[in-house]
PDB file of N, CA and C in Angstrom:
ATOM      1  N   MET A   1       1.045 -41.919 -17.071  1.00  0.00           N
ATOM      2  CA  MET A   1       0.582 -41.390 -15.581  1.00  0.00           C
ATOM      3  C   MET A   1       1.820 -40.368 -15.611  1.00  0.00           C
ATOM      4  N   LYS A   2       2.842 -40.392 -16.225  1.00  0.00           N
ATOM      5  CA  LYS A   2       4.081 -39.124 -15.860  1.00  0.00           C
ATOM      6  C   LYS A   2       3.660 -37.943 -17.111  1.00  0.00           C
ATOM      7  N   SER A   3       2.969 -38.432 -17.977  1.00  0.00           N
ATOM      8  CA  SER A   3       2.403 -37.282 -19.169  1.00  0.00           C
ATOM      9  C   SER A   3       1.320 -36.737 -18.511  1.00  0.00           C
ATOM     10  N   SER A   4      -0.040 -37.386 -17.988  1.00  0.00           N
ATOM     11  CA  SER A   4      -0.478 -36.761 -17.262  1.00  0.00           C
ATOM     12  C   SER A   4      -0.289 -35.862 -16.362  1.00  0.00           C
ATOM     13  N   ILE A   5       0.614 -36.350 -15.135  1.00  0.00           N
ATOM     14  CA  ILE A   5       1.444 -35.076 -13.971  1.00  0.00           C
ATOM     15  C   ILE A   5       1.767 -34.185 -15.192  1.00  0.00           C
ATOM     16  N   MET A   6       2.770 -34.215 -16.222  1.00  0.00           N
ATOM     17  CA  MET A   6       3.198 -33.558 -16.636  1.00  0.00           C
ATOM     18  C   MET A   6       2.620 -32.219 -17.475  1.00  0.00           C
ATOM     19  N   ALA A   7       0.972 -32.912 -17.935  1.00  0.00           N
ATOM     20  CA  ALA A   7       0.255 -31.999 -18.725  1.00  0.00           C
ATOM     21  C   ALA A   7      -0.136 -31.308 -17.530  1.00  0.00           C
ATOM     22  N   LEU A   8      -0.839 -31.618 -16.208  1.00  0.00           N
ATOM     23  CA  LEU A   8      -1.619 -30.774 -15.027  1.00  0.00           C
ATOM     24  C   LEU A   8      -0.214 -29.793 -15.174  1.00  0.00           C
ATOM     25  N   THR A   9       1.129 -30.356 -14.652  1.00  0.00           N
ATOM     26  CA  THR A   9       1.819 -29.346 -14.280  1.00  0.00           C
ATOM     27  C   THR A   9       1.913 -27.987 -15.129  1.00  0.00           C
ATOM     28  N   MET A  10       2.140 -28.439 -16.398  1.00  0.00           N
ATOM     29  CA  MET A  10       2.192 -27.449 -17.248  1.00  0.00           C
ATOM     30  C   MET A  10       1.062 -25.901 -17.291  1.00  0.00           C
ATOM     31  N   LEU A  11      -0.028 -27.292 -17.125  1.00  0.00           N
ATOM     32  CA  LEU A  11      -1.874 -26.559 -17.166  1.00  0.00           C
ATOM     33  C   LEU A  11      -1.656 -25.504 -16.127  1.00  0.00           C
ATOM     34  N   ILE A  12      -0.604 -25.832 -14.888  1.00  0.00           N
ATOM     35  CA  ILE A  12      -0.969 -25.129 -13.919  1.00  0.00           C
ATOM     36  C   ILE A  12      -0.155 -23.995 -13.410  1.00  0.00           C
ATOM     37  N   SER A  13       0.991 -24.028 -14.435  1.00  0.00           N
ATOM     38  CA  SER A  13       2.340 -23.163 -14.109  1.00  0.00           C
ATOM     39  C   SER A  13       1.752 -22.115 -15.175  1.00  0.00           C
ATOM     40  N   THR A  14       0.931 -22.442 -16.364  1.00  0.00           N
ATOM     41  CA  THR A  14       0.241 -20.796 -17.398  1.00  0.00           C
ATOM     42  C   THR A  14      -1.030 -20.448 -16.962  1.00  0.00           C
ATOM     43  N   PHE A  15      -1.451 -20.960 -15.458  1.00  0.00           N
ATOM     44  CA  PHE A  15      -2.405 -20.240 -15.373  1.00  0.00           C
ATOM     45  C   PHE A  15      -2.058 -19.134 -14.326  1.00  0.00           C
ATOM     46  N   THR A  16      -2.801 -18.174 -14.885  1.00  0.00           N
ATOM     47  CA  THR A  16      -2.487 -16.725 -14.129  1.00  0.00           C
ATOM     48  C   THR A  16      -3.288 -16.579 -13.142  1.00  0.00           C
ATOM     49  N   PHE A  17      -2.611 -15.885 -11.647  1.00  0.00           N
ATOM     50  CA  PHE A  17      -3.208 -16.084 -10.272  1.00  0.00           C
ATOM     51  C   PHE A  17      -3.668 -14.532 -10.508  1.00  0.00           C
ATOM     52  N   ALA A  18      -4.735 -13.775  -9.917  1.00  0.00           N
ATOM     53  CA  ALA A  18      -5.022 -12.240 -10.163  1.00  0.00           C
ATOM     54  C   ALA A  18      -5.525 -12.357  -8.449  1.00  0.00           C
ATOM     55  N   GLY A  19      -5.071 -11.438  -7.235  1.00  0.00           N
ATOM     56  CA  GLY A  19      -6.074 -11.366  -6.089  1.00  0.00           C
ATOM     57  C   GLY A  19      -6.797 -10.200  -5.776  1.00  0.00           C
ATOM     58  N   GLU A  20      -7.472 -10.222  -4.654  1.00  0.00           N
ATOM     59  CA  GLU A  20      -8.096  -8.953  -4.682  1.00  0.00           C
ATOM     60  C   GLU A  20      -7.812  -8.544  -2.973  1.00  0.00           C
ATOM     61  N   LEU A  21      -7.293  -7.388  -2.461  1.00  0.00           N
ATOM     62  CA  LEU A  21      -7.056  -7.050  -1.473  1.00  0.00           C
ATOM     63  C   LEU A  21      -8.391  -6.093  -0.775  1.00  0.00           C
ATOM     64  N   VAL A  22      -9.190  -6.173   0.503  1.00  0.00           N
ATOM     65  CA  VAL A  22     -10.210  -5.820   0.582  1.00  0.00           C
ATOM     66  C   VAL A  22      -9.916  -4.527   1.630  1.00  0.00           C
ATOM     67  N   VAL A  23      -9.291  -3.344   1.440  1.00  0.00           N
ATOM     68  CA  VAL A  23      -8.923  -2.640   2.534  1.00  0.00           C
ATOM     69  C   VAL A  23     -10.307  -2.317   3.341  1.00  0.00           C
ATOM     70  N   SER A  24     -11.170  -1.685   2.776  1.00  0.00           N
ATOM     71  CA  SER A  24     -12.543  -1.154   3.574  1.00  0.00           C
ATOM     72  C   SER A  24     -13.540  -1.625   2.514  1.00  0.00           C
ATOM     73  N   PRO A  25     -15.005  -1.207   2.629  1.00  0.00           N
ATOM     74  CA  PRO A  25     -15.892  -1.878   2.126  1.00  0.00           C
ATOM     75  C   PRO A  25     -15.998  -1.324   0.765  1.00  0.00           C
ATOM     76  N   SER A  26     -15.175   0.283   0.749  1.00  0.00           N
ATOM     77  CA  SER A  26     -15.397   0.611  -0.377  1.00  0.00           C
ATOM     78  C   SER A  26     -13.916   0.541  -1.170  1.00  0.00           C
ATOM     79  N   PHE A  27     -13.214   0.072  -0.644  1.00  0.00           N
ATOM     80  CA  PHE A  27     -11.831   0.218  -1.588  1.00  0.00           C
ATOM     81  C   PHE A  27     -11.305  -1.132  -1.372  1.00  0.00           C
ATOM     82  N   LYS A  28     -11.109  -1.395  -3.184  1.00  0.00           N
ATOM     83  CA  LYS A  28     -10.538  -3.043  -2.899  1.00  0.00           C
ATOM     84  C   LYS A  28      -9.345  -3.089  -3.839  1.00  0.00           C
ATOM     85  N   ILE A  29      -8.305  -3.337  -3.777  1.00  0.00           N
ATOM     86  CA  ILE A  29      -7.153  -3.372  -4.347  1.00  0.00           C
ATOM     87  C   ILE A  29      -7.070  -4.914  -5.101  1.00  0.00           C
ATOM     88  N   THR A  30      -7.207  -4.942  -6.839  1.00  0.00           N
ATOM     89  CA  THR A  30      -6.808  -6.017  -7.832  1.00  0.00           C
ATOM     90  C   THR A  30      -5.218  -6.489  -8.219  1.00  0.00           C
ATOM     91  N   TYR A  31      -4.618  -7.135  -7.902  1.00  0.00           N
ATOM     92  CA  TYR A  31      -3.235  -7.368  -7.991  1.00  0.00           C
ATOM     93  C   TYR A  31      -2.706  -8.304  -8.774  1.00  0.00           C
ATOM     94  N   PRO A  32      -1.776  -8.419  -9.433  1.00  0.00           N
ATOM     95  CA  PRO A  32      -1.078  -9.779 -10.165  1.00  0.00           C
ATOM     96  C   PRO A  32      -0.494 -10.673  -9.113  1.00  0.00           C
ATOM     97  N   GLU A  33      -0.825 -11.875 -10.018  1.00  0.00           N
ATOM     98  CA  GLU A  33       0.529 -12.785  -8.844  1.00  0.00           C
ATOM     99  C   GLU A  33       1.683 -12.537  -8.579  1.00  0.00           C
ATOM    100  N   PRO A  34       2.093 -12.217  -6.966  1.00  0.00           N
ATOM    101  CA  PRO A  34       3.284 -11.776  -6.876  1.00  0.00           C
ATOM    102  C   PRO A  34       4.282 -13.259  -6.838  1.00  0.00           C
ATOM    103  N   GLU A  35       5.602 -13.158  -6.711  1.00  0.00           N
ATOM    104  CA  GLU A  35       6.570 -13.778  -6.594  1.00  0.00           C
ATOM    105  C   GLU A  35       6.992 -14.366  -4.983  1.00  0.00           C
ATOM    106  N   LEU A  36       6.196 -13.558  -4.082  1.00  0.00           N
ATOM    107  CA  LEU A  36       6.494 -13.633  -2.973  1.00  0.00           C
ATOM    108  C   LEU A  36       5.523 -13.309  -2.006  1.00  0.00           C
ATOM    109  N   ILE A  37       4.708 -13.704  -0.914  1.00  0.00           N
ATOM    110  CA  ILE A  37       3.950 -13.174  -0.198  1.00  0.00           C
ATOM    111  C   ILE A  37       4.486 -13.300   1.016  1.00  0.00           C
ATOM    112  N   SER A  38       4.781 -11.956   2.042  1.00  0.00           N
ATOM    113  CA  SER A  38       5.022 -12.251   3.568  1.00  0.00           C
ATOM    114  C   SER A  38       4.119 -11.245   4.443  1.00  0.00           C
ATOM    115  N   HIS A  39       3.350 -11.786   5.608  1.00  0.00           N
ATOM    116  CA  HIS A  39       2.451 -11.397   6.038  1.00  0.00           C
ATOM    117  C   HIS A  39       3.007 -11.468   7.780  1.00  0.00           C
ATOM    118  N   SER A  40       2.798 -10.176   8.388  1.00  0.00           N
ATOM    119  CA  SER A  40       2.961 -10.452   9.622  1.00  0.00           C
ATOM    120  C   SER A  40       1.690  -9.946  10.392  1.00  0.00           C
ATOM    121  N   ALA A  41       1.894  -9.424  11.759  1.00  0.00           N
ATOM    122  CA  ALA A  41       0.710  -9.182  12.392  1.00  0.00           C
ATOM    123  C   ALA A  41      -0.223  -7.808  12.188  1.00  0.00           C
ATOM    124  N   ASP A  42       0.583  -6.976  11.573  1.00  0.00           N
ATOM    125  CA  ASP A  42       0.011  -5.446  10.794  1.00  0.00           C
ATOM    126  C   ASP A  42       0.482  -5.417   9.409  1.00  0.00           C
ATOM    127  N   THR A  43       1.267  -6.092   9.098  1.00  0.00           N
ATOM    128  CA  THR A  43       1.853  -5.506   7.563  1.00  0.00           C
ATOM    129  C   THR A  43       2.036  -6.986   6.533  1.00  0.00           C
ATOM    130  N   LEU A  44       1.331  -6.867   5.178  1.00  0.00           N
ATOM    131  CA  LEU A  44       1.675  -7.208   4.216  1.00  0.00           C
ATOM    132  C   LEU A  44       2.481  -7.022   3.185  1.00  0.00           C
ATOM    133  N   ILE A  45       3.662  -7.956   2.694  1.00  0.00           N
ATOM    134  CA  ILE A  45       4.219  -7.399   1.113  1.00  0.00           C
ATOM    135  C   ILE A  45       3.944  -8.241   0.223  1.00  0.00           C
ATOM    136  N   LEU A  46       3.878  -7.790  -0.953  1.00  0.00           N
ATOM    137  CA  LEU A  46       3.897  -8.747  -2.106  1.00  0.00           C
ATOM    138  C   LEU A  46       4.816  -8.204  -2.715  1.00  0.00           C
ATOM    139  N   LYS A  47       6.134  -9.311  -2.990  1.00  0.00           N
ATOM    140  CA  LYS A  47       7.120  -9.248  -3.646  1.00  0.00           C
ATOM    141  C   LYS A  47       6.965  -9.645  -5.422  1.00  0.00           C
ATOM    142  N   TYR A  48       7.337  -8.565  -6.180  1.00  0.00           N
ATOM    143  CA  TYR A  48       7.539  -8.635  -7.561  1.00  0.00           C
ATOM    144  C   TYR A  48       8.601  -8.730  -7.640  1.00  0.00           C
ATOM    145  N   GLY A  49       9.252  -9.121  -9.043  1.00  0.00           N
ATOM    146  CA  GLY A  49      10.686  -9.182  -9.856  1.00  0.00           C
ATOM    147  C   GLY A  49      11.597  -7.871  -9.339  1.00  0.00           C
ATOM    148  N   ASP A  50      10.945  -6.638  -9.597  1.00  0.00           N
ATOM    149  CA  ASP A  50      11.660  -5.411  -9.360  1.00  0.00           C
ATOM    150  C   ASP A  50      11.014  -4.491  -8.665  1.00  0.00           C
ATOM    151  N   TRP A  51       9.935  -4.517  -7.602  1.00  0.00           N
ATOM    152  CA  TRP A  51       9.222  -3.903  -6.938  1.00  0.00           C
ATOM    153  C   TRP A  51       8.701  -4.579  -5.949  1.00  0.00           C
ATOM    154  N   ASN A  52       7.938  -3.854  -4.854  1.00  0.00           N
ATOM    155  CA  ASN A  52       6.982  -4.549  -3.916  1.00  0.00           C
ATOM    156  C   ASN A  52       5.973  -3.651  -3.573  1.00  0.00           C
ATOM    157  N   PHE A  53       4.722  -4.569  -3.095  1.00  0.00           N
ATOM    158  CA  PHE A  53       3.986  -3.665  -2.900  1.00  0.00           C
ATOM    159  C   PHE A  53       3.508  -3.752  -1.058  1.00  0.00           C
ATOM    160  N   SER A  54       3.158  -3.302  -0.479  1.00  0.00           N
ATOM    161  CA  SER A  54       2.935  -3.328   0.905  1.00  0.00           C
ATOM    162  C   SER A  54       1.710  -2.633   1.566  1.00  0.00           C
ATOM    163  N   HIS A  55       1.009  -3.387   2.489  1.00  0.00           N
ATOM    164  CA  HIS A  55      -0.113  -2.649   3.367  1.00  0.00           C
ATOM    165  C   HIS A  55       0.249  -2.934   4.522  1.00  0.00           C
ATOM    166  N   ALA A  56       0.225  -1.820   5.536  1.00  0.00           N
ATOM    167  CA  ALA A  56       0.427  -1.783   7.123  1.00  0.00           C
ATOM    168  C   ALA A  56      -0.618  -1.161   7.424  1.00  0.00           C
ATOM    169  N   ILE A  57      -1.091  -1.785   8.884  1.00  0.00           N
ATOM    170  CA  ILE A  57      -2.025  -1.204   9.815  1.00  0.00           C
ATOM    171  C   ILE A  57      -1.680  -0.180  10.353  1.00  0.00           C
ATOM    172  N   ILE A  58      -1.843   0.809  10.509  1.00  0.00           N
ATOM    173  CA  ILE A  58      -1.097   2.019  11.204  1.00  0.00           C
ATOM    174  C   ILE A  58      -1.789   2.033  12.619  1.00  0.00           C
ATOM    175  N   ASN A  59      -0.661   2.388  13.196  1.00  0.00           N
ATOM    176  CA  ASN A  59      -0.798   2.462  14.526  1.00  0.00           C
ATOM    177  C   ASN A  59      -0.919   4.201  15.281  1.00  0.00           C
ATOM    178  N   PRO A  60      -1.458   5.022  15.433  1.00  0.00           N
ATOM    179  CA  PRO A  60      -1.327   6.168  15.287  1.00  0.00           C
ATOM    180  C   PRO A  60      -0.576   6.925  16.534  1.00  0.00           C
ATOM    181  N   GLU A  61      -0.798   5.875  17.678  1.00  0.00           N
ATOM    182  CA  GLU A  61       0.245   5.897  18.809  1.00  0.00           C
ATOM    183  C   GLU A  61       1.505   5.799  18.760  1.00  0.00           C
ATOM    184  N   THR A  62       2.124   4.941  17.271  1.00  0.00           N
ATOM    185  CA  THR A  62       3.325   4.446  17.563  1.00  0.00           C
ATOM    186  C   THR A  62       4.051   4.716  16.116  1.00  0.00           C
ATOM    187  N   MET A  63       3.309   5.728  15.219  1.00  0.00           N
ATOM    188  CA  MET A  63       3.506   5.620  13.708  1.00  0.00           C
ATOM    189  C   MET A  63       5.017   6.118  13.441  1.00  0.00           C
ATOM    190  N   TYR A  64       4.974   7.772  14.772  1.00  0.00           N
ATOM    191  CA  TYR A  64       5.987   8.436  14.815  1.00  0.00           C
ATOM    192  C   TYR A  64       6.750   8.459  16.056  1.00  0.00           C
ATOM    193  N   ALA A  65       7.718   8.142  16.914  1.00  0.00           N
ATOM    194  CA  ALA A  65       8.299   8.138  17.988  1.00  0.00           C
ATOM    195  C   ALA A  65       7.977   9.137  18.662  1.00  0.00           C
ATOM    196  N   SER A  66       7.525  10.144  18.756  1.00  0.00           N
ATOM    197  CA  SER A  66       7.433  11.296  19.823  1.00  0.00           C
ATOM    198  C   SER A  66       5.784  11.948  19.200  1.00  0.00           C
ATOM    199  N   ILE A  67       5.203  11.522  18.305  1.00  0.00           N
ATOM    200  CA  ILE A  67       3.871  11.894  18.022  1.00  0.00           C
ATOM    201  C   ILE A  67       2.737  11.085  17.904  1.00  0.00           C
ATOM    202  N   ASP A  68       1.829  11.710  18.614  1.00  0.00           N
ATOM    203  CA  ASP A  68       0.835  10.538  18.728  1.00  0.00           C
ATOM    204  C   ASP A  68      -0.488  11.082  17.584  1.00  0.00           C
ATOM    205  N   LEU A  69      -0.453  10.525  16.641  1.00  0.00           N
ATOM    206  CA  LEU A  69      -1.602  10.938  15.611  1.00  0.00           C
ATOM    207  C   LEU A  69      -2.865  10.260  16.013  1.00  0.00           C
ATOM    208  N   SER A  70      -3.537   9.921  17.081  1.00  0.00           N
ATOM    209  CA  SER A  70      -4.640   9.703  17.591  1.00  0.00           C
ATOM    210  C   SER A  70      -5.879  10.549  16.993  1.00  0.00           C
ATOM    211  N   GLY A  71      -6.646  10.254  16.374  1.00  0.00           N
ATOM    212  CA  GLY A  71      -7.792  11.000  15.798  1.00  0.00           C
ATOM    213  C   GLY A  71      -7.463  11.773  14.775  1.00  0.00           C
ATOM    214  N   LEU A  72      -6.340  11.828  13.893  1.00  0.00           N
ATOM    215  CA  LEU A  72      -5.442  12.643  13.178  1.00  0.00           C
ATOM    216  C   LEU A  72      -5.257  11.576  11.664  1.00  0.00           C
ATOM    217  N   GLU A  73      -4.889  10.445  12.122  1.00  0.00           N
ATOM    218  CA  GLU A  73      -4.340   9.247  10.941  1.00  0.00           C
ATOM    219  C   GLU A  73      -5.178   8.958   9.876  1.00  0.00           C
ATOM    220  N   LEU A  74      -6.340   9.396   9.838  1.00  0.00           N
ATOM    221  CA  LEU A  74      -7.381   9.327   8.655  1.00  0.00           C
ATOM    222  C   LEU A  74      -6.494  10.562   7.607  1.00  0.00           C
ATOM    223  N   ALA A  75      -6.939  11.867   8.508  1.00  0.00           N
ATOM    224  CA  ALA A  75      -6.540  13.136   7.845  1.00  0.00           C
ATOM    225  C   ALA A  75      -5.162  12.877   7.299  1.00  0.00           C
ATOM    226  N   PHE A  76      -3.778  12.293   8.189  1.00  0.00           N
ATOM    227  CA  PHE A  76      -2.705  12.627   7.636  1.00  0.00           C
ATOM    228  C   PHE A  76      -2.160  11.810   6.556  1.00  0.00           C
ATOM    229  N   VAL A  77      -3.046  10.576   6.492  1.00  0.00           N
ATOM    230  CA  VAL A  77      -2.223   9.601   5.386  1.00  0.00           C
ATOM    231  C   VAL A  77      -3.073  10.217   4.274  1.00  0.00           C
ATOM    232  N   LYS A  78      -4.514  10.996   4.348  1.00  0.00           N
ATOM    233  CA  LYS A  78      -4.972  11.257   3.170  1.00  0.00           C
ATOM    234  C   LYS A  78      -3.986  12.524   2.418  1.00  0.00           C
ATOM    235  N   SER A  79      -3.372  13.248   3.516  1.00  0.00           N
ATOM    236  CA  SER A  79      -2.700  14.671   3.109  1.00  0.00           C
ATOM    237  C   SER A  79      -1.417  13.874   2.397  1.00  0.00           C
ATOM    238  N   ILE A  80      -0.594  12.743   2.471  1.00  0.00           N
ATOM    239  CA  ILE A  80       0.333  12.182   2.137  1.00  0.00           C
ATOM    240  C   ILE A  80       0.477  12.485   0.991  1.00  0.00           C
ATOM    241  N   PHE A  81      -0.869  11.788   0.279  1.00  0.00           N
ATOM    242  CA  PHE A  81      -1.221  11.912  -1.193  1.00  0.00           C
ATOM    243  C   PHE A  81      -1.723  12.881  -1.848  1.00  0.00           C
ATOM    244  N   SER A  82      -2.040  13.805  -1.359  1.00  0.00           N
ATOM    245  CA  SER A  82      -3.322  14.799  -1.749  1.00  0.00           C
ATOM    246  C   SER A  82      -2.555  16.250  -0.916  1.00  0.00           C
ATOM    247  N   PRO A  83      -2.096  16.938  -1.926  1.00  0.00           N
ATOM    248  CA  PRO A  83      -1.542  17.897  -1.837  1.00  0.00           C
ATOM    249  C   PRO A  83      -2.665  19.424  -1.106  1.00  0.00           C
ATOM    250  N   GLU A  84      -3.770  19.025  -2.045  1.00  0.00           N
ATOM    251  CA  GLU A  84      -4.751  19.831  -1.586  1.00  0.00           C
ATOM    252  C   GLU A  84      -5.562  19.637  -0.169  1.00  0.00           C
ATOM    253  N   VAL A  85      -5.358  18.094   0.507  1.00  0.00           N
ATOM    254  CA  VAL A  85      -5.286  18.013   1.448  1.00  0.00           C
ATOM    255  C   VAL A  85      -4.879  18.523   2.716  1.00  0.00           C
ATOM    256  N   ARG A  86      -3.719  18.505   2.033  1.00  0.00           N
ATOM    257  CA  ARG A  86      -2.518  18.610   3.108  1.00  0.00           C
ATOM    258  C   ARG A  86      -2.667  20.145   3.097  1.00  0.00           C
ATOM    259  N   GLU A  87      -3.197  20.870   2.250  1.00  0.00           N
ATOM    260  CA  GLU A  87      -3.068  22.505   2.837  1.00  0.00           C
ATOM    261  C   GLU A  87      -4.167  22.794   3.837  1.00  0.00           C
ATOM    262  N   THR A  88      -5.072  21.981   4.204  1.00  0.00           N
ATOM    263  CA  THR A  88      -6.126  21.715   4.689  1.00  0.00           C
ATOM    264  C   THR A  88      -5.787  21.727   6.552  1.00  0.00           C
ATOM    265  N   GLN A  89      -4.665  21.283   6.787  1.00  0.00           N
ATOM    266  CA  GLN A  89      -4.216  20.525   8.042  1.00  0.00           C
ATOM    267  C   GLN A  89      -3.359  21.643   8.585  1.00  0.00           C
ATOM    268  N   ALA A  90      -3.218  21.539   9.928  1.00  0.00           N
ATOM    269  CA  ALA A  90      -2.453  22.400  10.611  1.00  0.00           C
ATOM    270  C   ALA A  90      -0.766  22.243  10.342  1.00  0.00           C
ATOM    271  N   THR A  91      -0.239  23.378  10.307  1.00  0.00           N
ATOM    272  CA  THR A  91       1.028  23.601   9.646  1.00  0.00           C
ATOM    273  C   THR A  91       1.907  22.433   9.847  1.00  0.00           C
ATOM    274  N   TRP A  92       2.179  22.141  11.089  1.00  0.00           N
ATOM    275  CA  TRP A  92       3.125  20.611  11.715  1.00  0.00           C
ATOM    276  C   TRP A  92       2.411  19.325  11.254  1.00  0.00           C
ATOM    277  N   LEU A  93       1.326  19.290  10.880  1.00  0.00           N
ATOM    278  CA  LEU A  93       0.647  18.200  10.202  1.00  0.00           C
ATOM    279  C   LEU A  93       1.045  18.152   8.752  1.00  0.00           C
ATOM    280  N   ALA A  94       0.676  19.273   8.213  1.00  0.00           N
ATOM    281  CA  ALA A  94       1.073  19.379   6.638  1.00  0.00           C
ATOM    282  C   ALA A  94       2.574  19.096   6.615  1.00  0.00           C
ATOM    283  N   ALA A  95       3.628  20.125   7.544  1.00  0.00           N
ATOM    284  CA  ALA A  95       5.143  19.621   7.182  1.00  0.00           C
ATOM    285  C   ALA A  95       5.263  17.952   7.390  1.00  0.00           C
ATOM    286  N   LEU A  96       4.898  17.352   7.932  1.00  0.00           N
ATOM    287  CA  LEU A  96       4.912  16.258   8.514  1.00  0.00           C
ATOM    288  C   LEU A  96       4.838  15.062   7.113  1.00  0.00           C
ATOM    289  N   ALA A  97       3.329  15.481   6.444  1.00  0.00           N
ATOM    290  CA  ALA A  97       2.726  14.780   5.511  1.00  0.00           C
ATOM    291  C   ALA A  97       3.511  14.856   4.376  1.00  0.00           C
ATOM    292  N   ALA A  98       4.220  16.058   4.331  1.00  0.00           N
ATOM    293  CA  ALA A  98       5.036  16.577   2.829  1.00  0.00           C
ATOM    294  C   ALA A  98       5.967  16.015   2.903  1.00  0.00           C
ATOM    295  N   GLU A  99       6.823  15.791   4.353  1.00  0.00           N
ATOM    296  CA  GLU A  99       8.088  15.197   4.572  1.00  0.00           C
ATOM    297  C   GLU A  99       7.904  13.761   4.456  1.00  0.00           C
ATOM    298  N   GLN A 100       7.012  13.196   4.553  1.00  0.00           N
ATOM    299  CA  GLN A 100       6.686  11.365   4.148  1.00  0.00           C
ATOM    300  C   GLN A 100       5.847  11.282   2.702  1.00  0.00           C
ATOM    301  N   ALA A 101       5.392  12.222   2.057  1.00  0.00           N
ATOM    302  CA  ALA A 101       5.366  12.286   0.503  1.00  0.00           C
ATOM    303  C   ALA A 101       6.555  12.223   0.016  1.00  0.00           C
ATOM    304  N   ALA A 102       7.206  13.070   0.275  1.00  0.00           N
ATOM    305  CA  ALA A 102       9.009  12.827  -0.177  1.00  0.00           C
ATOM    306  C   ALA A 102       9.526  11.817   0.346  1.00  0.00           C
ATOM    307  N   THR A 103       9.475  11.178   1.386  1.00  0.00           N
ATOM    308  CA  THR A 103      10.156  10.189   1.637  1.00  0.00           C
ATOM    309  C   THR A 103      10.013   8.809   0.604  1.00  0.00           C
ATOM    310  N   PHE A 104       8.154   8.865   0.624  1.00  0.00           N
ATOM    311  CA  PHE A 104       7.865   7.997  -0.580  1.00  0.00           C
ATOM    312  C   PHE A 104       7.989   7.988  -1.893  1.00  0.00           C
ATOM    313  N   GLY A 105       8.621   9.412  -2.166  1.00  0.00           N
ATOM    314  CA  GLY A 105       9.028   9.847  -3.595  1.00  0.00           C
ATOM    315  C   GLY A 105       7.823  10.270  -4.289  1.00  0.00           C
ATOM    316  N   LEU A 106       6.959  10.661  -3.664  1.00  0.00           N
ATOM    317  CA  LEU A 106       5.550  11.435  -4.549  1.00  0.00           C
ATOM    318  C   LEU A 106       5.733  12.470  -4.521  1.00  0.00           C
ATOM    319  N   LEU A 107       5.536  13.070  -5.974  1.00  0.00           N
ATOM    320  CA  LEU A 107       5.860  14.506  -6.286  1.00  0.00           C
ATOM    321  C   LEU A 107       4.261  14.805  -7.020  1.00  0.00           C
ATOM    322  N   SER A 108       4.014  16.139  -6.660  1.00  0.00           N
ATOM    323  CA  SER A 108       2.935  16.356  -6.993  1.00  0.00           C
ATOM    324  C   SER A 108       2.191  16.150  -8.632  1.00  0.00           C
ATOM    325  N   THR A 109       3.281  15.555  -9.422  1.00  0.00           N
ATOM    326  CA  THR A 109       2.735  15.095 -10.887  1.00  0.00           C
ATOM    327  C   THR A 109       2.592  13.587 -10.498  1.00  0.00           C
ATOM    328  N   SER A 110       2.879  12.947  -9.690  1.00  0.00           N
ATOM    329  CA  SER A 110       3.086  11.735  -9.436  1.00  0.00           C
ATOM    330  C   SER A 110       1.542  11.074  -9.704  1.00  0.00           C
ATOM    331  N   PRO A 111       1.444   9.995 -10.281  1.00  0.00           N
ATOM    332  CA  PRO A 111      -0.177   9.332 -10.592  1.00  0.00           C
ATOM    333  C   PRO A 111      -0.704   8.895  -9.341  1.00  0.00           C
ATOM    334  N   LEU A 112       0.054   8.454  -8.290  1.00  0.00           N
ATOM    335  CA  LEU A 112      -0.279   8.190  -7.084  1.00  0.00           C
ATOM    336  C   LEU A 112      -0.928   9.410  -5.956  1.00  0.00           C
ATOM    337  N   MET A 113      -0.650  10.874  -6.696  1.00  0.00           N
ATOM    338  CA  MET A 113      -0.979  12.111  -5.731  1.00  0.00           C
ATOM    339  C   MET A 113      -2.618  12.120  -6.418  1.00  0.00           C
ATOM    340  N   ARG A 114      -3.499  11.944  -5.607  1.00  0.00           N
ATOM    341  CA  ARG A 114      -5.181  12.675  -6.288  1.00  0.00           C
ATOM    342  C   ARG A 114      -5.626  13.112  -5.195  1.00  0.00           C
ATOM    343  N   GLN A 115      -6.852  13.143  -5.608  1.00  0.00           N
ATOM    344  CA  GLN A 115      -7.714  14.010  -4.680  1.00  0.00           C
ATOM    345  C   GLN A 115      -8.517  12.911  -3.963  1.00  0.00           C
ATOM    346  N   PHE A 116      -8.819  13.098  -2.594  1.00  0.00           N
ATOM    347  CA  PHE A 116      -9.197  11.964  -1.955  1.00  0.00           C
ATOM    348  C   PHE A 116     -10.621  12.494  -1.703  1.00  0.00           C
TER     349      PHE A 116
END
């Protein structure tokens, strides 16, 4: 009995888990098994050894304390990751997106920077 439990434990521990986060009907993220998963009402955090991945629902009214991005949130998020989209935005929105991109450490050469 002990050997059966030990064999089952070894089999389960070598099984690799991969998950899929469905962000929208046309956008899915496949991710490897994290060390820890944390979830709140609007944020999901997957913790790995020396990095983490998070997904948060954006509230355009409260994302920035003094700015209501209602109706602009999609364009704003796209412009964080795409300098080309940023160039088409109002000056104040483009400046905010550039600041956010810098905060995230996104350079124009980063693989995360792409055309949307």
